[in-house]
PDB file of all heavy atoms in Angstrom:
ATOM      1  N   GLY A   1      76.250  84.907  59.335  1.00  0.00           N
ATOM      2  CA  GLY A   1      77.682  85.098  59.559  1.00  0.00           C
ATOM      3  C   GLY A   1      78.487  83.966  58.943  1.00  0.00           C
ATOM      4  O   GLY A   1      78.058  83.323  57.988  1.00  0.00           O
ATOM      5  N   GLY A   2      79.665  83.718  59.510  1.00  0.00           N
ATOM      6  CA  GLY A   2      80.478  82.584  59.070  1.00  0.00           C
ATOM      7  C   GLY A   2      81.010  82.703  57.660  1.00  0.00           C
ATOM      8  O   GLY A   2      81.266  81.698  56.996  1.00  0.00           O
ATOM      9  N   GLY A   3      81.177  83.913  57.134  1.00  0.00           N
ATOM     10  CA  GLY A   3      81.692  84.101  55.781  1.00  0.00           C
ATOM     11  C   GLY A   3      80.637  83.972  54.694  1.00  0.00           C
ATOM     12  O   GLY A   3      80.941  84.134  53.503  1.00  0.00           O
ATOM     13  N   ALA A   4      79.388  83.700  55.070  1.00  0.00           N
ATOM     14  CA  ALA A   4      78.322  83.501  54.075  1.00  0.00           C
ATOM     15  C   ALA A   4      78.083  84.745  53.203  1.00  0.00           C
ATOM     16  O   ALA A   4      78.036  84.632  51.968  1.00  0.00           O
ATOM     17  CB  ALA A   4      77.034  83.076  54.771  1.00  0.00           C
ATOM     18  N   PRO A   5      77.919  85.938  53.770  1.00  0.00           N
ATOM     19  CA  PRO A   5      77.635  87.099  52.903  1.00  0.00           C
ATOM     20  C   PRO A   5      78.785  87.424  51.960  1.00  0.00           C
ATOM     21  O   PRO A   5      78.554  87.830  50.821  1.00  0.00           O
ATOM     22  CB  PRO A   5      77.378  88.243  53.887  1.00  0.00           C
ATOM     23  CG  PRO A   5      77.899  87.788  55.199  1.00  0.00           C
ATOM     24  CD  PRO A   5      77.875  86.306  55.200  1.00  0.00           C
ATOM     25  N   GLU A   6      80.026  87.207  52.405  1.00  0.00           N
ATOM     26  CA  GLU A   6      81.178  87.526  51.554  1.00  0.00           C
ATOM     27  C   GLU A   6      81.225  86.622  50.317  1.00  0.00           C
ATOM     28  O   GLU A   6      81.513  87.073  49.207  1.00  0.00           O
ATOM     29  CB  GLU A   6      82.487  87.403  52.347  1.00  0.00           C
ATOM     30  CG  GLU A   6      82.735  88.525  53.334  1.00  0.00           C
ATOM     31  CD  GLU A   6      81.996  88.385  54.656  1.00  0.00           C
ATOM     32  OE1 GLU A   6      81.413  87.303  54.893  1.00  0.00           O
ATOM     33  OE2 GLU A   6      82.002  89.332  55.457  1.00  0.00           O
ATOM     34  N   VAL A   7      80.943  85.331  50.521  1.00  0.00           N
ATOM     35  CA  VAL A   7      80.943  84.411  49.374  1.00  0.00           C
ATOM     36  C   VAL A   7      79.804  84.754  48.420  1.00  0.00           C
ATOM     37  O   VAL A   7      79.979  84.748  47.195  1.00  0.00           O
ATOM     38  CB  VAL A   7      80.831  82.944  49.858  1.00  0.00           C
ATOM     39  CG1 VAL A   7      80.766  81.995  48.667  1.00  0.00           C
ATOM     40  CG2 VAL A   7      82.012  82.577  50.749  1.00  0.00           C
ATOM     41  N   GLU A   8      78.633  85.074  48.965  1.00  0.00           N
ATOM     42  CA  GLU A   8      77.492  85.446  48.136  1.00  0.00           C
ATOM     43  C   GLU A   8      77.784  86.720  47.347  1.00  0.00           C
ATOM     44  O   GLU A   8      77.469  86.818  46.144  1.00  0.00           O
ATOM     45  CB  GLU A   8      76.254  85.641  49.015  1.00  0.00           C
ATOM     46  CG  GLU A   8      74.974  85.908  48.258  1.00  0.00           C
ATOM     47  CD  GLU A   8      74.487  84.714  47.449  1.00  0.00           C
ATOM     48  OE1 GLU A   8      74.866  83.563  47.777  1.00  0.00           O
ATOM     49  OE2 GLU A   8      73.735  84.939  46.480  1.00  0.00           O
ATOM     50  N   LEU A   9      78.416  87.702  48.005  1.00  0.00           N
ATOM     51  CA  LEU A   9      78.771  88.948  47.333  1.00  0.00           C
ATOM     52  C   LEU A   9      79.801  88.695  46.234  1.00  0.00           C
ATOM     53  O   LEU A   9      79.732  89.286  45.150  1.00  0.00           O
ATOM     54  CB  LEU A   9      79.342  89.949  48.338  1.00  0.00           C
ATOM     55  CG  LEU A   9      78.363  90.579  49.334  1.00  0.00           C
ATOM     56  CD1 LEU A   9      79.107  91.476  50.312  1.00  0.00           C
ATOM     57  CD2 LEU A   9      77.293  91.377  48.609  1.00  0.00           C
ATOM     58  N   SER A  10      80.755  87.838  46.524  1.00  0.00           N
ATOM     59  CA  SER A  10      81.800  87.528  45.555  1.00  0.00           C
ATOM     60  C   SER A  10      81.203  86.954  44.267  1.00  0.00           C
ATOM     61  O   SER A  10      81.563  87.367  43.164  1.00  0.00           O
ATOM     62  CB  SER A  10      82.795  86.544  46.170  1.00  0.00           C
ATOM     63  OG  SER A  10      83.838  86.253  45.279  1.00  0.00           O
ATOM     64  N   LEU A  11      80.266  86.008  44.412  1.00  0.00           N
ATOM     65  CA  LEU A  11      79.612  85.415  43.238  1.00  0.00           C
ATOM     66  C   LEU A  11      78.797  86.461  42.475  1.00  0.00           C
ATOM     67  O   LEU A  11      78.837  86.524  41.243  1.00  0.00           O
ATOM     68  CB  LEU A  11      78.705  84.262  43.672  1.00  0.00           C
ATOM     69  CG  LEU A  11      79.403  82.996  44.183  1.00  0.00           C
ATOM     70  CD1 LEU A  11      78.383  82.006  44.716  1.00  0.00           C
ATOM     71  CD2 LEU A  11      80.235  82.355  43.085  1.00  0.00           C
ATOM     72  N   ALA A  12      78.057  87.290  43.228  1.00  0.00           N
ATOM     73  CA  ALA A  12      77.220  88.316  42.596  1.00  0.00           C
ATOM     74  C   ALA A  12      78.072  89.342  41.856  1.00  0.00           C
ATOM     75  O   ALA A  12      77.710  89.798  40.764  1.00  0.00           O
ATOM     76  CB  ALA A  12      76.360  89.005  43.646  1.00  0.00           C
ATOM     77  N   LEU A  13      79.221  89.703  42.413  1.00  0.00           N
ATOM     78  CA  LEU A  13      80.087  90.708  41.783  1.00  0.00           C
ATOM     79  C   LEU A  13      80.756  90.163  40.530  1.00  0.00           C
ATOM     80  O   LEU A  13      80.998  90.914  39.569  1.00  0.00           O
ATOM     81  CB  LEU A  13      81.150  91.192  42.782  1.00  0.00           C
ATOM     82  CG  LEU A  13      80.649  92.125  43.884  1.00  0.00           C
ATOM     83  CD1 LEU A  13      81.749  92.431  44.886  1.00  0.00           C
ATOM     84  CD2 LEU A  13      80.102  93.418  43.297  1.00  0.00           C
ATOM     85  N   ARG A  14      81.064  88.872  40.504  1.00  0.00           N
ATOM     86  CA  ARG A  14      81.648  88.285  39.289  1.00  0.00           C
ATOM     87  C   ARG A  14      80.632  88.328  38.135  1.00  0.00           C
ATOM     88  O   ARG A  14      80.988  88.601  36.989  1.00  0.00           O
ATOM     89  CB  ARG A  14      82.120  86.857  39.565  1.00  0.00           C
ATOM     90  CG  ARG A  14      83.396  86.805  40.387  1.00  0.00           C
ATOM     91  CD  ARG A  14      84.046  85.428  40.375  1.00  0.00           C
ATOM     92  NE  ARG A  14      85.218  85.449  41.240  1.00  0.00           N
ATOM     93  CZ  ARG A  14      85.216  85.080  42.522  1.00  0.00           C
ATOM     94  NH1 ARG A  14      84.082  84.632  43.060  1.00  0.00           N
ATOM     95  NH2 ARG A  14      86.314  85.142  43.258  1.00  0.00           N
ATOM     96  N   ASP A  15      79.379  88.052  38.470  1.00  0.00           N
ATOM     97  CA  ASP A  15      78.326  88.152  37.448  1.00  0.00           C
ATOM     98  C   ASP A  15      78.162  89.600  36.984  1.00  0.00           C
ATOM     99  O   ASP A  15      77.992  89.874  35.793  1.00  0.00           O
ATOM    100  CB  ASP A  15      76.988  87.638  37.998  1.00  0.00           C
ATOM    101  CG  ASP A  15      76.995  86.132  38.207  1.00  0.00           C
ATOM    102  OD1 ASP A  15      77.836  85.453  37.585  1.00  0.00           O
ATOM    103  OD2 ASP A  15      76.162  85.643  39.002  1.00  0.00           O
ATOM    104  N   TYR A  16      78.222  90.510  37.949  1.00  0.00           N
ATOM    105  CA  TYR A  16      78.069  91.928  37.650  1.00  0.00           C
ATOM    106  C   TYR A  16      79.214  92.434  36.777  1.00  0.00           C
ATOM    107  O   TYR A  16      79.012  93.252  35.865  1.00  0.00           O
ATOM    108  CB  TYR A  16      77.987  92.719  38.955  1.00  0.00           C
ATOM    109  CG  TYR A  16      78.011  94.216  38.805  1.00  0.00           C
ATOM    110  CD1 TYR A  16      76.995  94.895  38.134  1.00  0.00           C
ATOM    111  CD2 TYR A  16      79.058  94.965  39.338  1.00  0.00           C
ATOM    112  CE1 TYR A  16      77.014  96.279  38.007  1.00  0.00           C
ATOM    113  CE2 TYR A  16      79.081  96.349  39.228  1.00  0.00           C
ATOM    114  CZ  TYR A  16      78.063  96.996  38.553  1.00  0.00           C
ATOM    115  OH  TYR A  16      78.083  98.361  38.422  1.00  0.00           O
ATOM    116  N   ALA A  17      80.429  91.914  37.043  1.00  0.00           N
ATOM    117  CA  ALA A  17      81.611  92.368  36.302  1.00  0.00           C
ATOM    118  C   ALA A  17      81.462  92.092  34.807  1.00  0.00           C
ATOM    119  O   ALA A  17      81.926  92.887  33.971  1.00  0.00           O
ATOM    120  CB  ALA A  17      82.859  91.675  36.849  1.00  0.00           C
ATOM    121  N   ASP A  18      80.803  90.990  34.474  1.00  0.00           N
ATOM    122  CA  ASP A  18      80.626  90.640  33.048  1.00  0.00           C
ATOM    123  C   ASP A  18      79.783  91.674  32.315  1.00  0.00           C
ATOM    124  O   ASP A  18      79.902  91.828  31.094  1.00  0.00           O
ATOM    125  CB  ASP A  18      79.964  89.256  32.923  1.00  0.00           C
ATOM    126  CG  ASP A  18      80.876  88.146  33.420  1.00  0.00           C
ATOM    127  OD1 ASP A  18      82.100  88.375  33.441  1.00  0.00           O
ATOM    128  OD2 ASP A  18      80.370  87.065  33.785  1.00  0.00           O
ATOM    129  N   SER A  19      78.926  92.367  33.072  1.00  0.00           N
ATOM    130  CA  SER A  19      78.046  93.352  32.436  1.00  0.00           C
ATOM    131  C   SER A  19      78.678  94.736  32.376  1.00  0.00           C
ATOM    132  O   SER A  19      78.097  95.668  31.816  1.00  0.00           O
ATOM    133  CB  SER A  19      76.722  93.438  33.202  1.00  0.00           C
ATOM    134  OG  SER A  19      76.943  93.983  34.501  1.00  0.00           O
ATOM    135  N   VAL A  20      79.858  94.888  32.964  1.00  0.00           N
ATOM    136  CA  VAL A  20      80.541  96.185  32.992  1.00  0.00           C
ATOM    137  C   VAL A  20      81.646  96.175  31.935  1.00  0.00           C
ATOM    138  O   VAL A  20      82.484  95.293  31.914  1.00  0.00           O
ATOM    139  CB  VAL A  20      81.149  96.462  34.381  1.00  0.00           C
ATOM    140  CG1 VAL A  20      81.936  97.781  34.354  1.00  0.00           C
ATOM    141  CG2 VAL A  20      80.062  96.518  35.431  1.00  0.00           C
ATOM    142  N   GLY A  21      81.632  97.150  31.100  1.00  0.00           N
ATOM    143  CA  GLY A  21      82.655  97.210  30.071  1.00  0.00           C
ATOM    144  C   GLY A  21      83.932  97.851  30.568  1.00  0.00           C
ATOM    145  O   GLY A  21      84.000  98.415  31.658  1.00  0.00           O
ATOM    146  N   GLY A  22      84.979  97.773  29.733  1.00  0.00           N
ATOM    147  CA  GLY A  22      86.226  98.449  30.046  1.00  0.00           C
ATOM    148  C   GLY A  22      87.046  97.750  31.111  1.00  0.00           C
ATOM    149  O   GLY A  22      86.731  96.655  31.565  1.00  0.00           O
ATOM    150  N   ARG A  23      88.120  98.430  31.508  1.00  0.00           N
ATOM    151  CA  ARG A  23      89.051  97.848  32.469  1.00  0.00           C
ATOM    152  C   ARG A  23      88.491  97.813  33.892  1.00  0.00           C
ATOM    153  O   ARG A  23      89.053  97.137  34.749  1.00  0.00           O
ATOM    154  CB  ARG A  23      90.363  98.634  32.453  1.00  0.00           C
ATOM    155  CG  ARG A  23      91.089  98.537  31.114  1.00  0.00           C
ATOM    156  CD  ARG A  23      92.465  99.146  31.205  1.00  0.00           C
ATOM    157  NE  ARG A  23      93.226  98.906  29.971  1.00  0.00           N
ATOM    158  CZ  ARG A  23      94.540  99.083  29.885  1.00  0.00           C
ATOM    159  NH1 ARG A  23      95.232  99.528  30.929  1.00  0.00           N
ATOM    160  NH2 ARG A  23      95.162  98.854  28.736  1.00  0.00           N
ATOM    161  N   GLU A  24      87.416  98.577  34.137  1.00  0.00           N
ATOM    162  CA  GLU A  24      86.794  98.529  35.462  1.00  0.00           C
ATOM    163  C   GLU A  24      86.351  97.116  35.814  1.00  0.00           C
ATOM    164  O   GLU A  24      86.269  96.755  36.991  1.00  0.00           O
ATOM    165  CB  GLU A  24      85.590  99.479  35.521  1.00  0.00           C
ATOM    166  CG  GLU A  24      85.939 100.942  35.647  1.00  0.00           C
ATOM    167  CD  GLU A  24      86.211 101.579  34.295  1.00  0.00           C
ATOM    168  OE1 GLU A  24      86.172 100.834  33.282  1.00  0.00           O
ATOM    169  OE2 GLU A  24      86.494 102.799  34.248  1.00  0.00           O
ATOM    170  N   GLN A  25      86.064  96.327  34.782  1.00  0.00           N
ATOM    171  CA  GLN A  25      85.649  94.938  35.005  1.00  0.00           C
ATOM    172  C   GLN A  25      86.702  94.177  35.794  1.00  0.00           C
ATOM    173  O   GLN A  25      86.383  93.389  36.684  1.00  0.00           O
ATOM    174  CB  GLN A  25      85.418  94.260  33.648  1.00  0.00           C
ATOM    175  CG  GLN A  25      85.051  92.781  33.754  1.00  0.00           C
ATOM    176  CD  GLN A  25      84.822  92.156  32.385  1.00  0.00           C
ATOM    177  OE1 GLN A  25      84.689  92.863  31.401  1.00  0.00           O
ATOM    178  NE2 GLN A  25      84.772  90.843  32.334  1.00  0.00           N
ATOM    179  N   LEU A  26      87.975  94.433  35.488  1.00  0.00           N
ATOM    180  CA  LEU A  26      89.066  93.749  36.192  1.00  0.00           C
ATOM    181  C   LEU A  26      89.094  94.162  37.664  1.00  0.00           C
ATOM    182  O   LEU A  26      89.368  93.348  38.546  1.00  0.00           O
ATOM    183  CB  LEU A  26      90.406  94.080  35.530  1.00  0.00           C
ATOM    184  CG  LEU A  26      90.571  93.612  34.086  1.00  0.00           C
ATOM    185  CD1 LEU A  26      91.881  94.125  33.503  1.00  0.00           C
ATOM    186  CD2 LEU A  26      90.519  92.085  34.013  1.00  0.00           C
ATOM    187  N   ALA A  27      88.812  95.456  37.925  1.00  0.00           N
ATOM    188  CA  ALA A  27      88.803  95.942  39.310  1.00  0.00           C
ATOM    189  C   ALA A  27      87.660  95.321  40.096  1.00  0.00           C
ATOM    190  O   ALA A  27      87.818  94.951  41.273  1.00  0.00           O
ATOM    191  CB  ALA A  27      88.683  97.459  39.330  1.00  0.00           C
ATOM    192  N   ILE A  28      86.492  95.161  39.446  1.00  0.00           N
ATOM    193  CA  ILE A  28      85.342  94.560  40.132  1.00  0.00           C
ATOM    194  C   ILE A  28      85.614  93.094  40.439  1.00  0.00           C
ATOM    195  O   ILE A  28      85.288  92.592  41.519  1.00  0.00           O
ATOM    196  CB  ILE A  28      84.075  94.720  39.268  1.00  0.00           C
ATOM    197  CG1 ILE A  28      83.728  96.210  39.148  1.00  0.00           C
ATOM    198  CG2 ILE A  28      82.899  93.958  39.885  1.00  0.00           C
ATOM    199  CD1 ILE A  28      82.640  96.515  38.136  1.00  0.00           C
ATOM    200  N   GLU A  29      86.278  92.396  39.497  1.00  0.00           N
ATOM    201  CA  GLU A  29      86.646  90.993  39.756  1.00  0.00           C
ATOM    202  C   GLU A  29      87.666  90.901  40.891  1.00  0.00           C
ATOM    203  O   GLU A  29      87.616  89.988  41.720  1.00  0.00           O
ATOM    204  CB  GLU A  29      87.201  90.358  38.481  1.00  0.00           C
ATOM    205  CG  GLU A  29      86.132  90.104  37.411  1.00  0.00           C
ATOM    206  CD  GLU A  29      86.717  89.629  36.096  1.00  0.00           C
ATOM    207  OE1 GLU A  29      87.973  89.659  35.960  1.00  0.00           O
ATOM    208  OE2 GLU A  29      85.942  89.237  35.210  1.00  0.00           O
ATOM    209  N   ALA A  30      88.589  91.857  40.931  1.00  0.00           N
ATOM    210  CA  ALA A  30      89.565  91.889  42.023  1.00  0.00           C
ATOM    211  C   ALA A  30      88.872  92.130  43.365  1.00  0.00           C
ATOM    212  O   ALA A  30      89.240  91.550  44.395  1.00  0.00           O
ATOM    213  CB  ALA A  30      90.599  92.983  41.768  1.00  0.00           C
ATOM    214  N   PHE A  31      87.866  92.990  43.344  1.00  0.00           N
ATOM    215  CA  PHE A  31      87.072  93.266  44.553  1.00  0.00           C
ATOM    216  C   PHE A  31      86.380  91.987  45.022  1.00  0.00           C
ATOM    217  O   PHE A  31      86.361  91.672  46.219  1.00  0.00           O
ATOM    218  CB  PHE A  31      86.033  94.356  44.232  1.00  0.00           C
ATOM    219  CG  PHE A  31      85.412  95.009  45.433  1.00  0.00           C
ATOM    220  CD1 PHE A  31      85.805  96.271  45.832  1.00  0.00           C
ATOM    221  CD2 PHE A  31      84.425  94.366  46.166  1.00  0.00           C
ATOM    222  CE1 PHE A  31      85.221  96.887  46.937  1.00  0.00           C
ATOM    223  CE2 PHE A  31      83.838  94.964  47.272  1.00  0.00           C
ATOM    224  CZ  PHE A  31      84.243  96.232  47.652  1.00  0.00           C
ATOM    225  N   ALA A  32      85.817  91.234  44.065  1.00  0.00           N
ATOM    226  CA  ALA A  32      85.143  89.973  44.400  1.00  0.00           C
ATOM    227  C   ALA A  32      86.129  88.990  45.032  1.00  0.00           C
ATOM    228  O   ALA A  32      85.812  88.319  46.017  1.00  0.00           O
ATOM    229  CB  ALA A  32      84.515  89.372  43.152  1.00  0.00           C
ATOM    230  N   ASP A  33      87.323  88.914  44.465  1.00  0.00           N
ATOM    231  CA  ASP A  33      88.354  88.028  45.029  1.00  0.00           C
ATOM    232  C   ASP A  33      88.748  88.475  46.440  1.00  0.00           C
ATOM    233  O   ASP A  33      88.967  87.653  47.329  1.00  0.00           O
ATOM    234  CB  ASP A  33      89.594  88.017  44.133  1.00  0.00           C
ATOM    235  CG  ASP A  33      89.343  87.352  42.786  1.00  0.00           C
ATOM    236  OD1 ASP A  33      88.385  86.548  42.703  1.00  0.00           O
ATOM    237  OD2 ASP A  33      90.094  87.627  41.842  1.00  0.00           O
ATOM    238  N   ALA A  34      88.832  89.797  46.617  1.00  0.00           N
ATOM    239  CA  ALA A  34      89.268  90.331  47.914  1.00  0.00           C
ATOM    240  C   ALA A  34      88.287  89.992  49.028  1.00  0.00           C
ATOM    241  O   ALA A  34      88.687  89.697  50.162  1.00  0.00           O
ATOM    242  CB  ALA A  34      89.436  91.850  47.815  1.00  0.00           C
ATOM    243  N   LEU A  35      86.986  90.000  48.721  1.00  0.00           N
ATOM    244  CA  LEU A  35      85.993  89.703  49.758  1.00  0.00           C
ATOM    245  C   LEU A  35      86.130  88.284  50.294  1.00  0.00           C
ATOM    246  O   LEU A  35      85.795  88.008  51.449  1.00  0.00           O
ATOM    247  CB  LEU A  35      84.577  89.917  49.198  1.00  0.00           C
ATOM    248  CG  LEU A  35      84.150  91.369  48.956  1.00  0.00           C
ATOM    249  CD1 LEU A  35      82.760  91.409  48.346  1.00  0.00           C
ATOM    250  CD2 LEU A  35      84.182  92.173  50.249  1.00  0.00           C
ATOM    251  N   GLU A  36      86.647  87.382  49.474  1.00  0.00           N
ATOM    252  CA  GLU A  36      86.787  85.994  49.913  1.00  0.00           C
ATOM    253  C   GLU A  36      87.889  85.817  50.946  1.00  0.00           C
ATOM    254  O   GLU A  36      88.087  84.717  51.458  1.00  0.00           O
ATOM    255  CB  GLU A  36      87.032  85.088  48.709  1.00  0.00           C
ATOM    256  CG  GLU A  36      85.785  84.922  47.829  1.00  0.00           C
ATOM    257  CD  GLU A  36      85.989  83.945  46.686  1.00  0.00           C
ATOM    258  OE1 GLU A  36      87.156  83.681  46.333  1.00  0.00           O
ATOM    259  OE2 GLU A  36      84.986  83.439  46.156  1.00  0.00           O
ATOM    260  N   VAL A  37      88.612  86.901  51.240  1.00  0.00           N
ATOM    261  CA  VAL A  37      89.630  86.804  52.286  1.00  0.00           C
ATOM    262  C   VAL A  37      89.003  86.483  53.643  1.00  0.00           C
ATOM    263  O   VAL A  37      89.639  85.852  54.502  1.00  0.00           O
ATOM    264  CB  VAL A  37      90.450  88.118  52.372  1.00  0.00           C
ATOM    265  CG1 VAL A  37      89.626  89.252  52.968  1.00  0.00           C
ATOM    266  CG2 VAL A  37      91.717  87.908  53.194  1.00  0.00           C
ATOM    267  N   ILE A  38      87.741  86.873  53.847  1.00  0.00           N
ATOM    268  CA  ILE A  38      87.097  86.623  55.148  1.00  0.00           C
ATOM    269  C   ILE A  38      86.873  85.126  55.379  1.00  0.00           C
ATOM    270  O   ILE A  38      87.370  84.567  56.373  1.00  0.00           O
ATOM    271  CB  ILE A  38      85.771  87.415  55.268  1.00  0.00           C
ATOM    272  CG1 ILE A  38      86.032  88.923  55.203  1.00  0.00           C
ATOM    273  CG2 ILE A  38      85.049  87.056  56.575  1.00  0.00           C
ATOM    274  CD1 ILE A  38      86.887  89.472  56.319  1.00  0.00           C
ATOM    275  N   PRO A  39      86.145  84.393  54.478  1.00  0.00           N
ATOM    276  CA  PRO A  39      86.012  82.954  54.715  1.00  0.00           C
ATOM    277  C   PRO A  39      87.356  82.220  54.677  1.00  0.00           C
ATOM    278  O   PRO A  39      87.557  81.246  55.420  1.00  0.00           O
ATOM    279  CB  PRO A  39      85.084  82.488  53.585  1.00  0.00           C
ATOM    280  CG  PRO A  39      85.080  83.573  52.575  1.00  0.00           C
ATOM    281  CD  PRO A  39      85.345  84.832  53.316  1.00  0.00           C
ATOM    282  N   ARG A  40      88.270  82.699  53.832  1.00  0.00           N
ATOM    283  CA  ARG A  40      89.586  82.048  53.768  1.00  0.00           C
ATOM    284  C   ARG A  40      90.335  82.194  55.098  1.00  0.00           C
ATOM    285  O   ARG A  40      90.940  81.242  55.595  1.00  0.00           O
ATOM    286  CB  ARG A  40      90.398  82.652  52.617  1.00  0.00           C
ATOM    287  CG  ARG A  40      91.614  81.825  52.232  1.00  0.00           C
ATOM    288  CD  ARG A  40      92.215  82.265  50.908  1.00  0.00           C
ATOM    289  NE  ARG A  40      92.828  83.580  50.991  1.00  0.00           N
ATOM    290  CZ  ARG A  40      92.406  84.643  50.340  1.00  0.00           C
ATOM    291  NH1 ARG A  40      91.332  84.558  49.572  1.00  0.00           N
ATOM    292  NH2 ARG A  40      93.029  85.794  50.455  1.00  0.00           N
ATOM    293  N   THR A  41      90.263  83.383  55.679  1.00  0.00           N
ATOM    294  CA  THR A  41      90.934  83.627  56.963  1.00  0.00           C
ATOM    295  C   THR A  41      90.266  82.838  58.095  1.00  0.00           C
ATOM    296  O   THR A  41      90.945  82.313  58.973  1.00  0.00           O
ATOM    297  CB  THR A  41      90.929  85.135  57.297  1.00  0.00           C
ATOM    298  OG1 THR A  41      91.558  85.841  56.232  1.00  0.00           O
ATOM    299  CG2 THR A  41      91.662  85.413  58.593  1.00  0.00           C
ATOM    300  N   LEU A  42      88.927  82.759  58.076  1.00  0.00           N
ATOM    301  CA  LEU A  42      88.216  81.961  59.080  1.00  0.00           C
ATOM    302  C   LEU A  42      88.700  80.512  59.045  1.00  0.00           C
ATOM    303  O   LEU A  42      88.921  79.882  60.094  1.00  0.00           O
ATOM    304  CB  LEU A  42      86.709  82.006  58.829  1.00  0.00           C
ATOM    305  CG  LEU A  42      85.988  83.329  59.093  1.00  0.00           C
ATOM    306  CD1 LEU A  42      84.531  83.241  58.660  1.00  0.00           C
ATOM    307  CD2 LEU A  42      86.078  83.711  60.569  1.00  0.00           C
ATOM    308  N   ALA A  43      88.884  79.976  57.829  1.00  0.00           N
ATOM    309  CA  ALA A  43      89.353  78.597  57.677  1.00  0.00           C
ATOM    310  C   ALA A  43      90.787  78.452  58.169  1.00  0.00           C
ATOM    311  O   ALA A  43      91.119  77.514  58.911  1.00  0.00           O
ATOM    312  CB  ALA A  43      89.247  78.168  56.212  1.00  0.00           C
TER     313      ALA A  43
END
């Protein structure tokens, strides 16, 4: 818990976004940023 899975997912999705072509890459990066709202809110 404690925001750990969200940060791990965020890092993994940024790496994944680089392998995705087209504008969907921007949406995946936005998704990664959005997940970090959990640890940010906890803080």
